[in-house]
Amino acid sequence: MEKSLDYYMNLDWTLIEGEDLDFEGKPYHYIEIKEIPSFVFCAKSIEKARENYKRQLKLTLMVMLESGEHIVEPGEEEDEPDWESLCP
């Protein structure tokens, strides 16, 4: 079954929220999504980050779907690498 963009947009993603300083020492807030390691959205306030991150999430998911990339869903177990074979 092929899943749509709407399907992925409505999943209960694991959000990681945080605060950091930019290059000028000014604080900014960010939202990462645990299941999509390449995703991060930044804003001047956590309220703005929460309000607007879904626009970037939609674009990220569109690219992932178009490229045929596997999208790890919330609750899906990621395969643990076989470290023995990777690191002799």
C-alpha atoms as a PDB file:
ATOM      1  CA  MET A   1       0.000   0.000   0.000  1.00  0.00           C
ATOM      2  CA  GLU A   2       1.437   3.348  -1.030  1.00  0.00           C
ATOM      3  CA  LYS A   3       1.022   5.964   1.678  1.00  0.00           C
ATOM      4  CA  SER A   4       0.177   9.565   0.855  1.00  0.00           C
ATOM      5  CA  LEU A   5       1.649  12.849   2.004  1.00  0.00           C
ATOM      6  CA  ASP A   6      -1.510  13.454   4.056  1.00  0.00           C
ATOM      7  CA  TYR A   7      -0.989  10.116   5.809  1.00  0.00           C
ATOM      8  CA  TYR A   8       2.533  11.089   6.867  1.00  0.00           C
ATOM      9  CA  MET A   9       1.553  14.651   7.821  1.00  0.00           C
ATOM     10  CA  ASN A  10      -0.979  13.295  10.308  1.00  0.00           C
ATOM     11  CA  LEU A  11       1.342  10.903  12.134  1.00  0.00           C
ATOM     12  CA  ASP A  12       2.224  11.559  15.774  1.00  0.00           C
ATOM     13  CA  TRP A  13       5.891  12.450  15.197  1.00  0.00           C
ATOM     14  CA  THR A  14       8.306  12.515  18.121  1.00  0.00           C
ATOM     15  CA  LEU A  15       9.251  16.194  18.476  1.00  0.00           C
ATOM     16  CA  ILE A  16      12.471  17.220  20.173  1.00  0.00           C
ATOM     17  CA  GLU A  17      12.425  20.866  21.215  1.00  0.00           C
ATOM     18  CA  GLY A  18      15.421  22.852  22.300  1.00  0.00           C
ATOM     19  CA  GLU A  19      17.127  26.208  22.547  1.00  0.00           C
ATOM     20  CA  ASP A  20      20.580  27.269  21.406  1.00  0.00           C
ATOM     21  CA  LEU A  21      22.542  30.402  20.558  1.00  0.00           C
ATOM     22  CA  ASP A  22      23.205  31.665  17.047  1.00  0.00           C
ATOM     23  CA  PHE A  23      26.586  32.966  15.834  1.00  0.00           C
ATOM     24  CA  GLU A  24      25.852  36.363  17.418  1.00  0.00           C
ATOM     25  CA  GLY A  25      24.989  34.837  20.795  1.00  0.00           C
ATOM     26  CA  LYS A  26      21.240  35.389  20.407  1.00  0.00           C
ATOM     27  CA  PRO A  27      18.922  32.574  21.480  1.00  0.00           C
ATOM     28  CA  TYR A  28      16.788  30.653  19.012  1.00  0.00           C
ATOM     29  CA  HIS A  29      14.476  27.677  19.382  1.00  0.00           C
ATOM     30  CA  TYR A  30      14.436  24.530  17.301  1.00  0.00           C
ATOM     31  CA  ILE A  31      12.301  21.490  16.667  1.00  0.00           C
ATOM     32  CA  GLU A  32      13.779  18.211  15.491  1.00  0.00           C
ATOM     33  CA  ILE A  33      11.864  15.067  14.593  1.00  0.00           C
ATOM     34  CA  LYS A  34      13.362  11.893  16.060  1.00  0.00           C
ATOM     35  CA  GLU A  35      12.217   9.707  13.175  1.00  0.00           C
ATOM     36  CA  ILE A  36      13.660  12.065  10.507  1.00  0.00           C
ATOM     37  CA  PRO A  37      17.259  12.787  11.588  1.00  0.00           C
ATOM     38  CA  SER A  38      17.808  15.326   8.786  1.00  0.00           C
ATOM     39  CA  PHE A  39      14.862  17.488   9.939  1.00  0.00           C
ATOM     40  CA  VAL A  40      15.280  20.633  12.023  1.00  0.00           C
ATOM     41  CA  PHE A  41      13.236  23.830  12.098  1.00  0.00           C
ATOM     42  CA  CYS A  42      14.420  27.013  13.827  1.00  0.00           C
ATOM     43  CA  ALA A  43      12.581  30.148  14.956  1.00  0.00           C
ATOM     44  CA  LYS A  44      13.082  33.052  17.360  1.00  0.00           C
ATOM     45  CA  SER A  45      10.483  31.679  19.791  1.00  0.00           C
ATOM     46  CA  ILE A  46       9.259  28.184  20.634  1.00  0.00           C
ATOM     47  CA  GLU A  47       5.719  29.332  19.857  1.00  0.00           C
ATOM     48  CA  LYS A  48       6.725  30.314  16.294  1.00  0.00           C
ATOM     49  CA  ALA A  49       8.646  27.055  15.879  1.00  0.00           C
ATOM     50  CA  ARG A  50       5.601  25.008  16.954  1.00  0.00           C
ATOM     51  CA  GLU A  51       3.339  27.108  14.760  1.00  0.00           C
ATOM     52  CA  ASN A  52       5.424  26.813  11.575  1.00  0.00           C
ATOM     53  CA  TYR A  53       7.486  23.601  11.557  1.00  0.00           C
ATOM     54  CA  LYS A  54       4.801  21.651   9.673  1.00  0.00           C
ATOM     55  CA  ARG A  55       5.425  23.663   6.495  1.00  0.00           C
ATOM     56  CA  GLN A  56       9.021  22.455   6.428  1.00  0.00           C
ATOM     57  CA  LEU A  57       7.943  18.940   7.436  1.00  0.00           C
ATOM     58  CA  LYS A  58       5.611  18.852   4.424  1.00  0.00           C
ATOM     59  CA  LEU A  59       8.440  19.835   2.056  1.00  0.00           C
ATOM     60  CA  THR A  60      10.806  17.305   3.638  1.00  0.00           C
ATOM     61  CA  LEU A  61       8.253  14.511   3.297  1.00  0.00           C
ATOM     62  CA  MET A  62       7.498  15.478  -0.310  1.00  0.00           C
ATOM     63  CA  VAL A  63      11.186  15.136  -1.210  1.00  0.00           C
ATOM     64  CA  MET A  64      11.474  11.829   0.660  1.00  0.00           C
ATOM     65  CA  LEU A  65       8.391  10.428  -1.091  1.00  0.00           C
ATOM     66  CA  GLU A  66       9.530  11.592  -4.534  1.00  0.00           C
ATOM     67  CA  SER A  67      12.960  10.028  -4.074  1.00  0.00           C
ATOM     68  CA  GLY A  68      11.506   6.760  -2.794  1.00  0.00           C
ATOM     69  CA  GLU A  69      13.297   7.099   0.542  1.00  0.00           C
ATOM     70  CA  HIS A  70      12.021   4.929   3.389  1.00  0.00           C
ATOM     71  CA  ILE A  71      10.206   7.076   5.954  1.00  0.00           C
ATOM     72  CA  VAL A  72      10.537   5.733   9.478  1.00  0.00           C
ATOM     73  CA  GLU A  73       7.173   6.093  11.189  1.00  0.00           C
ATOM     74  CA  PRO A  74       6.674   6.807  14.893  1.00  0.00           C
ATOM     75  CA  GLY A  75       6.864   3.541  16.814  1.00  0.00           C
ATOM     76  CA  GLU A  76       8.599   1.709  13.962  1.00  0.00           C
ATOM     77  CA  GLU A  77      11.687  -0.112  15.118  1.00  0.00           C
ATOM     78  CA  GLU A  78      14.786   0.915  13.224  1.00  0.00           C
ATOM     79  CA  ASP A  79      17.095  -1.904  12.246  1.00  0.00           C
ATOM     80  CA  GLU A  80      20.171  -1.874  14.440  1.00  0.00           C
ATOM     81  CA  PRO A  81      23.330  -2.174  12.349  1.00  0.00           C
ATOM     82  CA  ASP A  82      25.354  -5.347  12.737  1.00  0.00           C
ATOM     83  CA  TRP A  83      28.313  -3.635  14.410  1.00  0.00           C
ATOM     84  CA  GLU A  84      30.359  -6.861  14.417  1.00  0.00           C
ATOM     85  CA  SER A  85      30.436  -6.975  10.629  1.00  0.00           C
ATOM     86  CA  LEU A  86      30.905  -3.205  10.236  1.00  0.00           C
ATOM     87  CA  CYS A  87      33.759  -2.829  12.698  1.00  0.00           C
ATOM     88  CA  PRO A  88      36.093  -5.823  12.528  1.00  0.00           C
END
